C-alpha atoms as a PDB file:
ATOM      1  CA  MET A   1      -9.737  21.697   9.212  1.00  0.00           C
ATOM      2  CA  SER A   2     -11.656  18.454   9.514  1.00  0.00           C
ATOM      3  CA  LYS A   3     -11.815  18.004   5.724  1.00  0.00           C
ATOM      4  CA  TYR A   4      -8.569  18.023   3.811  1.00  0.00           C
ATOM      5  CA  LEU A   5      -6.806  15.753   1.380  1.00  0.00           C
ATOM      6  CA  SER A   6      -3.520  14.153   2.357  1.00  0.00           C
ATOM      7  CA  LYS A   7      -0.561  13.191   0.245  1.00  0.00           C
ATOM      8  CA  ILE A   8       2.491  11.436   1.656  1.00  0.00           C
ATOM      9  CA  ILE A   9       5.525  10.643  -0.479  1.00  0.00           C
ATOM     10  CA  ALA A  10       7.961   8.072   0.919  1.00  0.00           C
ATOM     11  CA  LYS A  11      11.522   7.695  -0.353  1.00  0.00           C
ATOM     12  CA  ASP A  12      13.007   5.854   2.638  1.00  0.00           C
ATOM     13  CA  SER A  13      12.124   3.574   5.541  1.00  0.00           C
ATOM     14  CA  GLN A  14      10.789   6.442   7.686  1.00  0.00           C
ATOM     15  CA  GLY A  15       8.395   7.518   4.942  1.00  0.00           C
ATOM     16  CA  LEU A  16       7.242   3.928   4.420  1.00  0.00           C
ATOM     17  CA  GLN A  17       6.638   3.615   8.178  1.00  0.00           C
ATOM     18  CA  MET A  18       4.453   6.738   8.043  1.00  0.00           C
ATOM     19  CA  ILE A  19       2.428   5.320   5.132  1.00  0.00           C
ATOM     20  CA  SER A  20       2.221   1.947   6.898  1.00  0.00           C
ATOM     21  CA  ALA A  21       0.811   3.607  10.031  1.00  0.00           C
ATOM     22  CA  CYS A  22      -1.764   5.544   7.982  1.00  0.00           C
ATOM     23  CA  CYS A  23      -2.836   2.403   6.095  1.00  0.00           C
ATOM     24  CA  SER A  24      -3.054   0.004   9.031  1.00  0.00           C
ATOM     25  CA  GLU A  25      -6.449  -1.780   8.953  1.00  0.00           C
ATOM     26  CA  ALA A  26      -7.184  -0.463   5.430  1.00  0.00           C
ATOM     27  CA  LYS A  27      -9.495  -2.590   3.289  1.00  0.00           C
ATOM     28  CA  VAL A  28      -8.454  -3.491  -0.261  1.00  0.00           C
ATOM     29  CA  ASN A  29     -10.575  -5.330  -2.815  1.00  0.00           C
ATOM     30  CA  ILE A  30      -8.466  -7.762  -4.854  1.00  0.00           C
ATOM     31  CA  THR A  31      -9.801  -6.132  -8.041  1.00  0.00           C
ATOM     32  CA  GLU A  32      -8.468  -2.735  -6.876  1.00  0.00           C
ATOM     33  CA  MET A  33      -4.804  -3.763  -7.161  1.00  0.00           C
ATOM     34  CA  LYS A  34      -2.890  -3.426 -10.403  1.00  0.00           C
ATOM     35  CA  TYR A  35       0.681  -4.079 -11.455  1.00  0.00           C
ATOM     36  CA  LEU A  36       1.660  -2.182 -14.595  1.00  0.00           C
ATOM     37  CA  PRO A  37       4.985  -3.789 -15.600  1.00  0.00           C
ATOM     38  CA  ASP A  38       5.580  -1.498 -18.589  1.00  0.00           C
ATOM     39  CA  ASN A  39       5.284   1.541 -16.306  1.00  0.00           C
ATOM     40  CA  MET A  40       6.992  -0.220 -13.355  1.00  0.00           C
ATOM     41  CA  VAL A  41       4.087   0.837 -11.109  1.00  0.00           C
ATOM     42  CA  PHE A  42       2.043  -1.074  -8.527  1.00  0.00           C
ATOM     43  CA  LEU A  43      -1.262   0.579  -7.527  1.00  0.00           C
ATOM     44  CA  LEU A  44      -3.743  -0.120  -4.751  1.00  0.00           C
ATOM     45  CA  PHE A  45      -7.046   1.614  -4.155  1.00  0.00           C
ATOM     46  CA  LEU A  46      -7.930   1.291  -0.483  1.00  0.00           C
ATOM     47  CA  GLU A  47     -10.392   2.460   2.113  1.00  0.00           C
ATOM     48  CA  ARG A  48      -8.596   3.489   5.275  1.00  0.00           C
ATOM     49  CA  PHE A  49      -9.242   5.123   8.610  1.00  0.00           C
ATOM     50  CA  LYS A  50      -7.993   8.689   8.729  1.00  0.00           C
ATOM     51  CA  PHE A  51      -5.794   8.160  11.808  1.00  0.00           C
ATOM     52  CA  GLU A  52      -4.018  11.489  11.312  1.00  0.00           C
ATOM     53  CA  VAL A  53      -7.147  13.414  12.362  1.00  0.00           C
ATOM     54  CA  ASN A  54      -8.814  13.146  15.760  1.00  0.00           C
ATOM     55  CA  ASN A  55     -11.993  11.406  14.573  1.00  0.00           C
ATOM     56  CA  GLU A  56     -11.158   7.679  14.660  1.00  0.00           C
ATOM     57  CA  ASN A  57     -14.295   6.742  12.710  1.00  0.00           C
ATOM     58  CA  SER A  58     -13.361   8.931   9.748  1.00  0.00           C
ATOM     59  CA  LYS A  59     -12.756   6.844   6.617  1.00  0.00           C
ATOM     60  CA  VAL A  60     -11.226   7.964   3.359  1.00  0.00           C
ATOM     61  CA  SER A  61     -10.538   6.379  -0.032  1.00  0.00           C
ATOM     62  CA  SER A  62      -6.888   6.563  -1.028  1.00  0.00           C
ATOM     63  CA  TYR A  63      -4.488   5.465  -3.717  1.00  0.00           C
ATOM     64  CA  LEU A  64      -1.203   3.890  -2.779  1.00  0.00           C
ATOM     65  CA  ARG A  65       1.288   3.971  -5.651  1.00  0.00           C
ATOM     66  CA  PHE A  66       4.702   2.309  -5.725  1.00  0.00           C
ATOM     67  CA  GLU A  67       7.168   3.386  -8.437  1.00  0.00           C
ATOM     68  CA  TYR A  68      10.133   1.567 -10.036  1.00  0.00           C
ATOM     69  CA  VAL A  69       8.662  -1.887  -9.331  1.00  0.00           C
ATOM     70  CA  GLN A  70      10.533  -4.546 -11.309  1.00  0.00           C
ATOM     71  CA  SER A  71       8.424  -7.528 -10.260  1.00  0.00           C
ATOM     72  CA  VAL A  72       5.672  -8.576  -7.858  1.00  0.00           C
ATOM     73  CA  LYS A  73       4.894 -11.803  -6.060  1.00  0.00           C
ATOM     74  CA  SER A  74       2.018 -12.718  -3.783  1.00  0.00           C
ATOM     75  CA  LYS A  75       1.338 -15.491  -1.308  1.00  0.00           C
ATOM     76  CA  ASN A  76      -1.914 -16.809   0.189  1.00  0.00           C
ATOM     77  CA  ILE A  77      -4.072 -14.569  -2.038  1.00  0.00           C
ATOM     78  CA  ASN A  78      -6.693 -16.120  -4.314  1.00  0.00           C
ATOM     79  CA  GLN A  79      -6.520 -13.742  -7.277  1.00  0.00           C
ATOM     80  CA  LYS A  80      -9.509 -15.429  -8.948  1.00  0.00           C
ATOM     81  CA  ASP A  81     -11.835 -14.505  -6.047  1.00  0.00           C
ATOM     82  CA  LYS A  82     -13.100 -11.125  -7.295  1.00  0.00           C
ATOM     83  CA  ASP A  83     -15.006 -10.537  -4.019  1.00  0.00           C
ATOM     84  CA  LEU A  84     -11.918 -10.982  -1.843  1.00  0.00           C
ATOM     85  CA  ILE A  85     -11.334  -8.075   0.555  1.00  0.00           C
ATOM     86  CA  LEU A  86      -7.898  -7.931   2.164  1.00  0.00           C
ATOM     87  CA  GLU A  87      -7.002  -6.048   5.327  1.00  0.00           C
ATOM     88  CA  LEU A  88      -3.612  -4.358   5.179  1.00  0.00           C
ATOM     89  CA  ILE A  89      -1.763  -4.782   8.467  1.00  0.00           C
ATOM     90  CA  ALA A  90       1.612  -3.188   7.699  1.00  0.00           C
ATOM     91  CA  ILE A  91       4.209  -2.317   5.093  1.00  0.00           C
ATOM     92  CA  ASP A  92       7.845  -3.155   5.667  1.00  0.00           C
ATOM     93  CA  PHE A  93      10.926  -3.475   3.545  1.00  0.00           C
ATOM     94  CA  LEU A  94      14.256  -5.250   3.313  1.00  0.00           C
ATOM     95  CA  LYS A  95      17.388  -4.192   1.479  1.00  0.00           C
ATOM     96  CA  ASN A  96      19.232  -6.907  -0.445  1.00  0.00           C
ATOM     97  CA  ASP A  97      22.472  -5.676  -2.032  1.00  0.00           C
ATOM     98  CA  LYS A  98      21.269  -2.872  -4.325  1.00  0.00           C
ATOM     99  CA  ASN A  99      17.599  -3.888  -4.385  1.00  0.00           C
ATOM    100  CA  TYR A 100      14.650  -3.580  -2.007  1.00  0.00           C
ATOM    101  CA  GLU A 101      11.772  -5.895  -1.167  1.00  0.00           C
ATOM    102  CA  ILE A 102       8.691  -3.969  -0.052  1.00  0.00           C
ATOM    103  CA  ASN A 103       6.255  -6.270   1.741  1.00  0.00           C
ATOM    104  CA  LEU A 104       2.553  -5.486   1.967  1.00  0.00           C
ATOM    105  CA  ILE A 105       1.404  -7.629   4.882  1.00  0.00           C
ATOM    106  CA  PHE A 106      -2.297  -8.492   5.051  1.00  0.00           C
ATOM    107  CA  SER A 107      -4.412 -10.372   7.589  1.00  0.00           C
ATOM    108  CA  LYS A 108      -4.733 -14.157   7.280  1.00  0.00           C
ATOM    109  CA  ASN A 109      -1.013 -14.556   6.454  1.00  0.00           C
ATOM    110  CA  ALA A 110      -1.399 -13.017   2.978  1.00  0.00           C
ATOM    111  CA  TYR A 111       1.242 -10.768   1.515  1.00  0.00           C
ATOM    112  CA  ILE A 112       2.527  -9.117  -1.631  1.00  0.00           C
ATOM    113  CA  THR A 113       6.220  -8.472  -2.208  1.00  0.00           C
ATOM    114  CA  LEU A 114       7.367  -5.722  -4.555  1.00  0.00           C
ATOM    115  CA  PHE A 115      10.914  -5.911  -5.908  1.00  0.00           C
ATOM    116  CA  THR A 116      12.437  -2.507  -6.671  1.00  0.00           C
ATOM    117  CA  GLU A 117      15.757  -0.663  -6.956  1.00  0.00           C
ATOM    118  CA  ILE A 118      14.380   2.567  -5.479  1.00  0.00           C
ATOM    119  CA  VAL A 119      11.929   3.183  -2.624  1.00  0.00           C
ATOM    120  CA  GLU A 120       9.234   5.558  -3.832  1.00  0.00           C
ATOM    121  CA  ALA A 121       5.653   5.310  -2.629  1.00  0.00           C
ATOM    122  CA  THR A 122       2.841   7.842  -2.649  1.00  0.00           C
ATOM    123  CA  LEU A 123      -0.304   7.709  -0.520  1.00  0.00           C
ATOM    124  CA  GLU A 124      -2.913  10.144  -1.803  1.00  0.00           C
ATOM    125  CA  ASP A 125      -6.454  10.635  -0.514  1.00  0.00           C
ATOM    126  CA  GLN A 126      -9.332  11.002  -2.970  1.00  0.00           C
ATOM    127  CA  ASN A 127     -12.562  13.005  -2.719  1.00  0.00           C
END
């Protein structure tokens, strides 16, 4: 069972913590992130270590999709640098009244905040 595709769907803080743990140290090219405001979706294509299997050197390409995203803001990320590779450290979230702020925390004090009414994220491995 060394080769299988994973899919994790998070709808609460525990699910987001699971996705955060799986994506720790993942590499993301700045060009592989997209916010689709009409669809209320934020997508990242990342290369991550497959921590959930015993082989620590196993890498896999995955999509991380956030649904119901109303707006996005970033800090300390040069979006014009098409060669920029970010390292995802963690994902956390805050609840403010009825809304959530999902924070994608990267190395070098860079982060992206997603504003949403509902927590729904999907991490899906690709071939």
